[in-house]
Amino acid sequence: MKFIHAADIHLDSPLNGLAAYPDAPAEQLRSATRDAFTALVDLAIAEDVDFMVIAGDLYDGSWRDFNTGIFFVKEMGRLRRAGIPVYVLFGNHDAESEMTKRLEMPDNVHVFGTNKAHTLKVDGLAVSLHGQSFKQKDVTTNLVTGYPAPTPGHFNIGVLHTALEGCKAHAYYAPCTIAELHAKGYSYWALGHVHDFEQWVGASTIVFPGNLQGRNVRELGRRGAVMVSVDDAGDVAVERIFIDVLRWEHLTVDTSDCETLTDVVQKTGLALESLLDTDGDVPRAARITIQGNTKAHGALFGQEVQLRNEVLAQIASIGNERLWLEKVRITTKPLVDAEKLHERMDAFTDLQTILEDAATDANFVEDLKAALAPFAGKAPLDLQEMVPLIEKIRTGDLKELIDEIGPALLANLAQAE
């Protein structure tokens, strides 16, 4: 037999912060979770799987309207006509207390209850699924201890929405350990909640499939579900399936061999072309970090807006229907060694000392704050988003600004010399 294990669909998840990116493909981003789920259903039908398991966070909290539920019912109807049952467990985002609306599901959809863990059996197969949905969002007790004993002679699947041990990046819901899962005696654990793929093999096969579709730059790389195949001997094979329709990437560009802004732009363009040549035709949303000890450090200082526009021009020439720029960050450092400047004992040394002392000179900082305040107050919101130092000026936190200006000024002077 074979089945699909998916989790963390987050249908119609809201996309916050798009107003800061006027060139963002807003409609493509908004529909991504639906399009990915449709692709998953397409694959299930094409592969004629025996059933599908959804291990929590199908929704993203309260529905904004009934269309979210109607969309899901429509996709479940497609699976019903193909004879594919679906087993759904509700996680923290779609717990009873979070859902404001409900619709009657087609009869091929089987939902795990919330009062206690129970067993659902697949018609025509020696398969038992055990699970318990979240009754409220913040389930912090270990649910595994209440899961039923395995059904004798069946392939037993535990369905659980959990943070599991060591998953510090996710809320600590339904905590348990890997050892506890192995000890339960099930053949397979279909987990949800952690958005990255993870797998453990032992007495049980334990899998987080990751979320179906990346929704922001924190959810990088290929996303999807898993296809699980079980042979006559009960041996389990897990294959990742990638069905995301928009992929988030973090591209780092090493500019240590660059001397000018133009060099940096050209190297970034080549890196973007290379990115699009990998993993097929999936559109990308990219955050770019410009890094390295480089002669171009001084030329890049304060040029976030210019660099963003230059990169957008590179994307336009490559073909911007396949690529969207989320943000450009500059984290370069000067090629000039600060210690060597101190050793020179000339005007460079004097200037460096003045710049280093400036950050702790209270009178200088107050004068600088007063001089820059009108500029910061008039800066448009979109510029503030692209130039983080403006917010530092607004709050009076000028140390970072002074610390960046000093090396950039010295780098420019040293390069000119």
Protein backbone atom coordinates (compact mmCIF):
# COMPACT_ATOMS: atom_id res chain seq x y z
CA MET A 1 0.00 0.00 0.00
CA LYS A 2 1.00 3.64 -0.18
CA PHE A 3 -0.32 6.77 1.42
CA ILE A 4 0.45 10.48 1.57
CA HIS A 5 1.36 12.09 4.88
CA ALA A 6 1.02 15.89 4.93
CA ALA A 7 0.85 18.48 7.69
CA ASP A 8 0.82 22.22 8.36
CA ILE A 9 -1.16 23.20 5.27
CA HIS A 10 -2.22 26.54 6.82
CA LEU A 11 -4.87 27.18 4.17
CA ASP A 12 -5.35 30.89 3.46
CA SER A 13 -2.66 31.89 5.93
CA PRO A 14 -2.54 35.71 6.06
CA LEU A 15 0.54 37.31 4.55
CA ASN A 16 1.57 40.23 6.71
CA GLY A 17 3.95 43.00 5.66
CA LEU A 18 3.31 42.93 1.91
CA ALA A 19 2.57 46.67 1.95
CA ALA A 20 6.29 47.25 2.41
CA TYR A 21 6.98 45.61 -0.97
CA PRO A 22 5.00 47.39 -3.69
CA ASP A 23 6.41 45.05 -6.36
CA ALA A 24 5.38 41.87 -4.51
CA PRO A 25 3.24 39.33 -6.45
CA ALA A 26 0.50 39.65 -3.85
CA GLU A 27 -2.08 37.44 -5.56
CA GLN A 28 0.44 34.68 -6.19
CA LEU A 29 1.53 34.79 -2.55
CA ARG A 30 -2.04 34.80 -1.24
CA SER A 31 -3.11 31.80 -3.33
CA ALA A 32 0.06 29.76 -2.76
CA THR A 33 -1.31 27.60 0.10
CA ARG A 34 -4.40 26.70 -1.94
CA ASP A 35 -2.46 26.03 -5.13
CA ALA A 36 -0.04 23.76 -3.29
CA PHE A 37 -2.89 21.80 -1.69
CA THR A 38 -4.58 21.38 -5.07
CA ALA A 39 -1.28 20.04 -6.44
CA LEU A 40 -1.15 17.57 -3.53
CA VAL A 41 -4.65 16.30 -4.32
CA ASP A 42 -3.71 16.04 -8.02
CA LEU A 43 -0.74 13.88 -7.07
CA ALA A 44 -2.80 11.67 -4.74
CA ILE A 45 -5.26 10.95 -7.54
CA ALA A 46 -2.54 10.41 -10.17
CA GLU A 47 -0.65 7.99 -7.89
CA ASP A 48 -3.87 6.26 -6.80
CA VAL A 49 -2.82 6.29 -3.13
CA ASP A 50 -4.76 4.20 -0.65
CA PHE A 51 -5.41 7.11 1.72
CA MET A 52 -4.12 10.50 2.90
CA VAL A 53 -3.18 11.62 6.41
CA ILE A 54 -3.18 15.31 7.47
CA ALA A 55 -1.39 15.68 10.82
CA GLY A 56 -2.65 19.07 12.01
CA ASP A 57 -2.79 22.76 11.16
CA LEU A 58 -4.91 22.26 8.08
CA TYR A 59 -6.25 25.77 8.66
CA ASP A 60 -4.63 28.88 10.08
CA GLY A 61 -6.93 29.73 12.96
CA SER A 62 -10.33 31.33 12.54
CA TRP A 63 -11.71 31.46 9.03
CA ARG A 64 -12.08 34.91 7.57
CA ASP A 65 -15.06 33.61 5.60
CA PHE A 66 -16.60 30.32 4.50
CA ASN A 67 -14.54 30.18 1.31
CA THR A 68 -11.65 28.52 3.13
CA GLY A 69 -13.84 25.63 4.24
CA ILE A 70 -15.64 25.42 0.89
CA PHE A 71 -12.30 25.13 -0.89
CA PHE A 72 -11.25 22.25 1.36
CA VAL A 73 -14.59 20.46 0.90
CA LYS A 74 -14.20 20.78 -2.88
CA GLU A 75 -10.75 19.17 -2.79
CA MET A 76 -12.01 16.41 -0.49
CA GLY A 77 -14.84 15.80 -2.96
CA ARG A 78 -12.27 15.20 -5.69
CA LEU A 79 -10.58 12.57 -3.50
CA ARG A 80 -13.96 11.01 -2.67
CA ARG A 81 -14.74 10.52 -6.36
CA ALA A 82 -11.33 8.87 -6.71
CA GLY A 83 -12.10 6.52 -3.80
CA ILE A 84 -9.41 7.97 -1.49
CA PRO A 85 -10.22 8.36 2.22
CA VAL A 86 -8.62 11.16 4.25
CA TYR A 87 -7.75 11.09 7.96
CA VAL A 88 -7.51 14.54 9.55
CA LEU A 89 -6.15 15.54 12.93
CA PHE A 90 -6.64 19.11 14.15
CA GLY A 91 -3.59 20.89 15.62
CA ASN A 92 -3.08 24.10 17.55
CA HIS A 93 -4.01 26.41 14.66
CA ASP A 94 -7.28 24.63 13.92
CA ALA A 95 -8.30 23.57 17.43
CA GLU A 96 -11.96 23.77 18.35
CA SER A 97 -11.44 27.00 20.27
CA GLU A 98 -9.81 28.61 17.23
CA MET A 99 -12.42 27.64 14.64
CA THR A 100 -15.32 30.04 14.18
CA LYS A 101 -17.02 28.17 11.34
CA ARG A 102 -17.64 24.54 10.37
CA LEU A 103 -18.97 22.77 7.30
CA GLU A 104 -20.19 19.21 6.82
CA MET A 105 -17.38 17.15 5.29
CA PRO A 106 -17.76 14.50 2.55
CA ASP A 107 -18.03 10.95 3.93
CA ASN A 108 -14.47 10.06 2.90
CA VAL A 109 -13.09 12.54 5.49
CA HIS A 110 -12.52 11.05 8.95
CA VAL A 111 -11.59 13.44 11.77
CA PHE A 112 -9.93 12.45 15.04
CA GLY A 113 -11.94 13.60 18.05
CA THR A 114 -10.68 15.84 20.83
CA ASN A 115 -11.86 14.18 24.05
CA LYS A 116 -9.38 11.31 23.97
CA ALA A 117 -7.18 9.41 21.55
CA HIS A 118 -9.04 6.81 19.51
CA THR A 119 -8.59 4.49 16.54
CA LEU A 120 -9.83 4.78 12.96
CA LYS A 121 -9.54 1.76 10.61
CA VAL A 122 -9.13 1.88 6.84
CA ASP A 123 -11.79 -0.14 5.00
CA GLY A 124 -10.30 -2.98 2.97
CA LEU A 125 -6.83 -2.69 4.50
CA ALA A 126 -5.26 -4.01 7.70
CA VAL A 127 -4.43 -0.47 8.78
CA SER A 128 -5.29 1.31 12.04
CA LEU A 129 -4.69 5.00 12.66
CA HIS A 130 -4.59 6.35 16.21
CA GLY A 131 -4.86 10.03 17.07
CA GLN A 132 -6.32 12.87 19.10
CA SER A 133 -7.09 16.37 17.82
CA PHE A 134 -6.39 19.48 19.90
CA LYS A 135 -9.41 20.73 21.82
CA GLN A 136 -7.75 24.08 22.51
CA LYS A 137 -4.72 25.82 21.10
CA ASP A 138 -2.32 25.43 23.99
CA VAL A 139 -2.20 21.69 24.65
CA THR A 140 0.93 21.35 26.80
CA THR A 141 0.37 17.81 28.13
CA ASN A 142 1.90 14.64 26.68
CA LEU A 143 -0.88 13.07 24.58
CA VAL A 144 1.10 9.95 23.62
CA THR A 145 0.53 8.31 27.00
CA GLY A 146 -3.21 8.13 26.24
CA TYR A 147 -2.88 6.65 22.73
CA PRO A 148 -4.38 3.13 22.33
CA ALA A 149 -2.32 -0.03 22.12
CA PRO A 150 -1.52 -1.13 18.55
CA THR A 151 -4.15 -3.22 16.77
CA PRO A 152 -2.82 -6.79 16.44
CA GLY A 153 -2.10 -7.84 12.86
CA HIS A 154 -2.49 -4.29 11.53
CA PHE A 155 -0.07 -1.69 10.24
CA ASN A 156 -0.44 0.89 13.02
CA ILE A 157 -0.05 4.61 12.38
CA GLY A 158 0.11 7.18 15.16
CA VAL A 159 -1.06 10.65 14.09
CA LEU A 160 0.17 13.41 16.39
CA HIS A 161 0.66 17.17 16.38
CA THR A 162 3.66 17.78 18.61
CA ALA A 163 6.73 19.91 19.22
CA LEU A 164 8.70 16.75 20.10
CA GLU A 165 11.93 16.99 22.07
CA GLY A 166 14.54 19.50 20.93
CA CYS A 167 12.30 21.46 18.54
CA LYS A 168 12.89 24.85 20.18
CA ALA A 169 11.82 26.87 17.15
CA HIS A 170 8.20 25.80 17.59
CA ALA A 171 5.68 26.30 20.38
CA TYR A 172 5.94 23.60 23.03
CA TYR A 173 2.66 21.79 22.32
CA ALA A 174 1.88 18.13 23.16
CA PRO A 175 5.51 17.46 24.13
CA CYS A 176 6.92 13.93 23.99
CA THR A 177 10.17 12.13 23.25
CA ILE A 178 11.36 10.00 20.36
CA ALA A 179 11.89 7.12 22.79
CA GLU A 180 8.22 7.31 23.84
CA LEU A 181 7.09 7.11 20.22
CA HIS A 182 9.29 4.09 19.49
CA ALA A 183 8.04 2.39 22.65
CA LYS A 184 4.37 2.68 21.65
CA GLY A 185 4.68 -0.21 19.20
CA TYR A 186 3.29 1.56 16.11
CA SER A 187 4.91 1.04 12.71
CA TYR A 188 4.72 4.69 11.64
CA TRP A 189 4.24 8.05 13.34
CA ALA A 190 2.69 10.76 11.15
CA LEU A 191 3.67 13.98 12.93
CA GLY A 192 2.84 17.62 12.37
CA HIS A 193 3.70 21.06 13.83
CA VAL A 194 7.41 21.30 12.95
CA HIS A 195 7.70 22.96 9.54
CA ASP A 196 10.94 21.29 8.44
CA PHE A 197 11.30 17.70 7.22
CA GLU A 198 12.73 15.31 9.81
CA GLN A 199 12.81 11.53 10.00
CA TRP A 200 13.89 8.94 12.57
CA VAL A 201 14.13 5.18 11.94
CA GLY A 202 14.03 2.48 14.59
CA ALA A 203 11.26 0.47 16.17
CA SER A 204 8.96 2.97 14.41
CA THR A 205 9.44 5.22 11.42
CA ILE A 206 8.85 8.76 12.72
CA VAL A 207 8.36 11.61 10.23
CA PHE A 208 7.70 15.33 10.16
CA PRO A 209 6.89 16.02 6.48
CA GLY A 210 7.38 19.78 6.95
CA ASN A 211 4.84 22.33 5.82
CA LEU A 212 3.29 22.08 2.40
CA GLN A 213 4.10 25.60 1.21
CA GLY A 214 6.64 28.12 2.48
CA ARG A 215 4.83 31.30 3.53
CA ASN A 216 7.72 33.67 4.31
CA VAL A 217 11.48 33.98 4.21
CA ARG A 218 11.82 31.98 7.45
CA GLU A 219 10.50 28.92 5.59
CA LEU A 220 13.25 28.44 3.04
CA GLY A 221 13.80 25.87 0.33
CA ARG A 222 11.71 23.06 -1.10
CA ARG A 223 8.48 22.21 0.70
CA GLY A 224 5.88 19.49 0.40
CA ALA A 225 4.76 16.20 1.94
CA VAL A 226 5.88 12.55 1.96
CA MET A 227 4.78 9.46 0.06
CA VAL A 228 4.93 6.40 2.31
CA SER A 229 5.10 2.92 0.76
CA VAL A 230 4.72 -0.31 2.76
CA ASP A 231 5.59 -3.70 1.28
CA ASP A 232 4.15 -7.12 2.15
CA ALA A 233 6.78 -7.60 4.86
CA GLY A 234 5.75 -4.33 6.53
CA ASP A 235 8.94 -2.50 5.56
CA VAL A 236 8.46 1.26 5.22
CA ALA A 237 9.91 3.53 2.53
CA VAL A 238 9.52 7.31 2.81
CA GLU A 239 9.89 9.54 -0.26
CA ARG A 240 9.74 13.32 -0.09
CA ILE A 241 7.41 14.94 -2.61
CA PHE A 242 7.84 18.61 -3.45
CA ILE A 243 4.72 20.40 -4.58
CA ASP A 244 5.29 23.99 -3.41
CA VAL A 245 4.25 26.52 -6.02
CA LEU A 246 6.40 29.41 -4.76
CA ARG A 247 9.78 28.90 -3.08
CA TRP A 248 11.55 31.19 -0.62
CA GLU A 249 15.33 31.41 -0.91
CA HIS A 250 18.13 33.15 1.00
CA LEU A 251 20.91 33.94 -1.43
CA THR A 252 24.30 35.02 -0.03
CA VAL A 253 26.69 36.80 -2.39
CA ASP A 254 30.38 36.87 -1.44
CA THR A 255 31.78 40.19 -2.68
CA SER A 256 35.36 39.75 -1.46
CA ASP A 257 36.59 39.96 -5.06
CA CYS A 258 34.48 43.05 -5.91
CA GLU A 259 35.80 46.62 -6.03
CA THR A 260 32.76 48.69 -7.04
CA LEU A 261 28.99 48.78 -6.74
CA THR A 262 28.82 47.70 -10.39
CA ASP A 263 30.90 44.61 -9.61
CA VAL A 264 28.53 43.71 -6.79
CA VAL A 265 25.46 44.14 -8.99
CA GLN A 266 26.89 41.99 -11.77
CA LYS A 267 27.91 39.21 -9.38
CA THR A 268 24.47 39.28 -7.77
CA GLY A 269 22.84 38.96 -11.19
CA LEU A 270 24.94 35.88 -12.01
CA ALA A 271 24.02 34.32 -8.65
CA LEU A 272 20.31 34.89 -9.36
CA GLU A 273 20.58 33.25 -12.77
CA SER A 274 22.27 30.25 -11.18
CA LEU A 275 19.50 30.05 -8.57
CA LEU A 276 16.80 29.89 -11.23
CA ASP A 277 18.65 27.11 -13.04
CA THR A 278 18.13 24.71 -10.10
CA ASP A 279 15.04 22.67 -9.16
CA GLY A 280 12.91 23.33 -12.20
CA ASP A 281 10.56 26.21 -12.95
CA VAL A 282 9.18 26.95 -9.46
CA PRO A 283 9.00 30.74 -9.01
CA ARG A 284 11.26 32.10 -6.26
CA ALA A 285 11.01 34.82 -3.65
CA ALA A 286 14.55 35.75 -2.63
CA ARG A 287 16.25 37.56 0.21
CA ILE A 288 19.80 38.53 -0.75
CA THR A 289 22.63 39.13 1.70
CA ILE A 290 25.71 40.90 0.35
CA GLN A 291 28.68 39.86 2.47
CA GLY A 292 32.45 39.59 2.63
CA ASN A 293 35.50 41.73 3.38
CA THR A 294 35.65 43.81 0.25
CA LYS A 295 37.03 46.94 -1.37
CA ALA A 296 33.43 47.74 -2.29
CA HIS A 297 32.39 48.17 1.35
CA GLY A 298 32.67 51.95 1.30
CA ALA A 299 30.84 52.22 -2.03
CA LEU A 300 27.96 50.17 -0.63
CA PHE A 301 27.45 52.20 2.55
CA GLY A 302 24.01 53.83 2.56
CA GLN A 303 23.21 52.42 -0.88
CA GLU A 304 20.50 49.93 0.10
CA VAL A 305 17.87 51.65 -2.05
CA GLN A 306 20.20 52.00 -5.05
CA LEU A 307 21.34 48.40 -4.73
CA ARG A 308 17.77 47.12 -4.49
CA ASN A 309 16.84 48.95 -7.68
CA GLU A 310 19.97 47.65 -9.42
CA VAL A 311 19.08 44.10 -8.42
CA LEU A 312 15.49 44.60 -9.58
CA ALA A 313 16.89 45.65 -12.96
CA GLN A 314 18.96 42.45 -13.05
CA ILE A 315 15.84 40.42 -12.27
CA ALA A 316 13.91 42.21 -15.01
CA SER A 317 16.56 41.24 -17.55
CA ILE A 318 16.55 37.61 -16.33
CA GLY A 319 12.77 37.37 -16.37
CA ASN A 320 10.90 38.68 -13.34
CA GLU A 321 7.89 36.43 -13.86
CA ARG A 322 9.95 33.72 -12.12
CA LEU A 323 11.63 35.74 -9.40
CA TRP A 324 10.64 38.30 -6.78
CA LEU A 325 13.08 40.21 -4.58
CA GLU A 326 12.01 40.27 -0.93
CA LYS A 327 14.94 42.23 0.49
CA VAL A 328 18.62 43.07 0.02
CA ARG A 329 20.82 43.20 3.13
CA ILE A 330 24.36 44.55 3.16
CA THR A 331 26.66 43.00 5.77
CA THR A 332 30.05 43.64 4.15
CA LYS A 333 33.16 44.71 6.05
CA PRO A 334 36.05 46.93 4.94
CA LEU A 335 39.16 45.38 3.51
CA VAL A 336 41.27 47.83 5.50
CA ASP A 337 42.56 46.33 8.76
CA ALA A 338 41.71 48.70 11.65
CA GLU A 339 44.79 47.61 13.61
CA LYS A 340 47.09 48.42 10.68
CA LEU A 341 45.63 51.92 10.46
CA HIS A 342 46.48 52.48 14.11
CA GLU A 343 50.07 51.48 13.35
CA ARG A 344 50.49 54.09 10.62
CA MET A 345 50.71 57.04 13.04
CA ASP A 346 49.51 59.56 10.45
CA ALA A 347 46.31 61.43 9.57
CA PHE A 348 44.49 58.11 9.01
CA THR A 349 45.26 57.13 12.60
CA ASP A 350 43.99 60.47 13.93
CA LEU A 351 40.78 60.20 11.92
CA GLN A 352 40.20 56.63 13.06
CA THR A 353 40.64 57.64 16.71
CA ILE A 354 38.14 60.50 16.29
CA LEU A 355 35.58 58.15 14.69
CA GLU A 356 36.04 55.49 17.35
CA ASP A 357 35.58 58.04 20.14
CA ALA A 358 32.52 59.61 18.50
CA ALA A 359 30.14 56.81 19.52
CA THR A 360 30.81 57.49 23.22
CA ASP A 361 30.92 61.31 22.98
CA ALA A 362 27.58 62.34 24.52
CA ASN A 363 27.66 65.89 23.14
CA PHE A 364 28.52 64.72 19.64
CA VAL A 365 25.76 62.09 19.70
CA GLU A 366 23.17 64.66 20.83
CA ASP A 367 24.23 67.12 18.09
CA LEU A 368 24.06 64.34 15.49
CA LYS A 369 20.64 63.26 16.71
CA ALA A 370 19.29 66.81 16.43
CA ALA A 371 20.74 67.19 12.94
CA LEU A 372 19.32 63.90 11.63
CA ALA A 373 15.90 63.97 13.31
CA PRO A 374 14.17 66.10 10.61
CA PHE A 375 15.42 63.74 7.90
CA ALA A 376 14.21 60.65 9.74
CA GLY A 377 10.80 62.23 10.36
CA LYS A 378 10.28 62.98 6.66
CA ALA A 379 11.53 59.61 5.35
CA PRO A 380 8.66 57.70 3.66
CA LEU A 381 7.62 54.37 5.16
CA ASP A 382 8.89 52.26 2.25
CA LEU A 383 12.33 53.88 2.55
CA GLN A 384 12.40 53.12 6.28
CA GLU A 385 11.73 49.45 5.52
CA MET A 386 14.66 49.31 3.09
CA VAL A 387 17.12 51.33 5.20
CA PRO A 388 17.01 49.95 8.77
CA LEU A 389 19.38 52.68 10.05
CA ILE A 390 16.57 55.22 9.66
CA GLU A 391 14.73 53.54 12.52
CA LYS A 392 17.91 53.79 14.59
CA ILE A 393 17.93 57.54 13.97
CA ARG A 394 14.25 57.83 14.93
CA THR A 395 14.85 56.07 18.25
CA GLY A 396 18.10 57.91 18.95
CA ASP A 397 20.20 54.74 18.84
CA LEU A 398 23.09 56.21 16.84
CA LYS A 399 25.95 53.98 17.93
CA GLU A 400 25.34 51.50 15.09
CA LEU A 401 25.16 54.37 12.59
CA ILE A 402 28.48 55.82 13.78
CA ASP A 403 30.08 52.39 13.89
CA GLU A 404 29.12 51.81 10.26
CA ILE A 405 30.09 55.24 8.97
CA GLY A 406 33.60 55.09 10.44
CA PRO A 407 34.86 51.96 8.65
CA ALA A 408 33.08 52.95 5.43
CA LEU A 409 34.72 56.41 5.40
CA LEU A 410 38.15 54.97 6.16
CA ALA A 411 37.71 52.29 3.52
CA ASN A 412 36.87 54.90 0.87
CA LEU A 413 39.82 57.10 1.82
CA ALA A 414 42.24 54.20 1.95
CA GLN A 415 41.06 52.95 -1.44
CA ALA A 416 41.42 56.41 -2.95
CA GLU A 417 44.92 56.66 -1.49
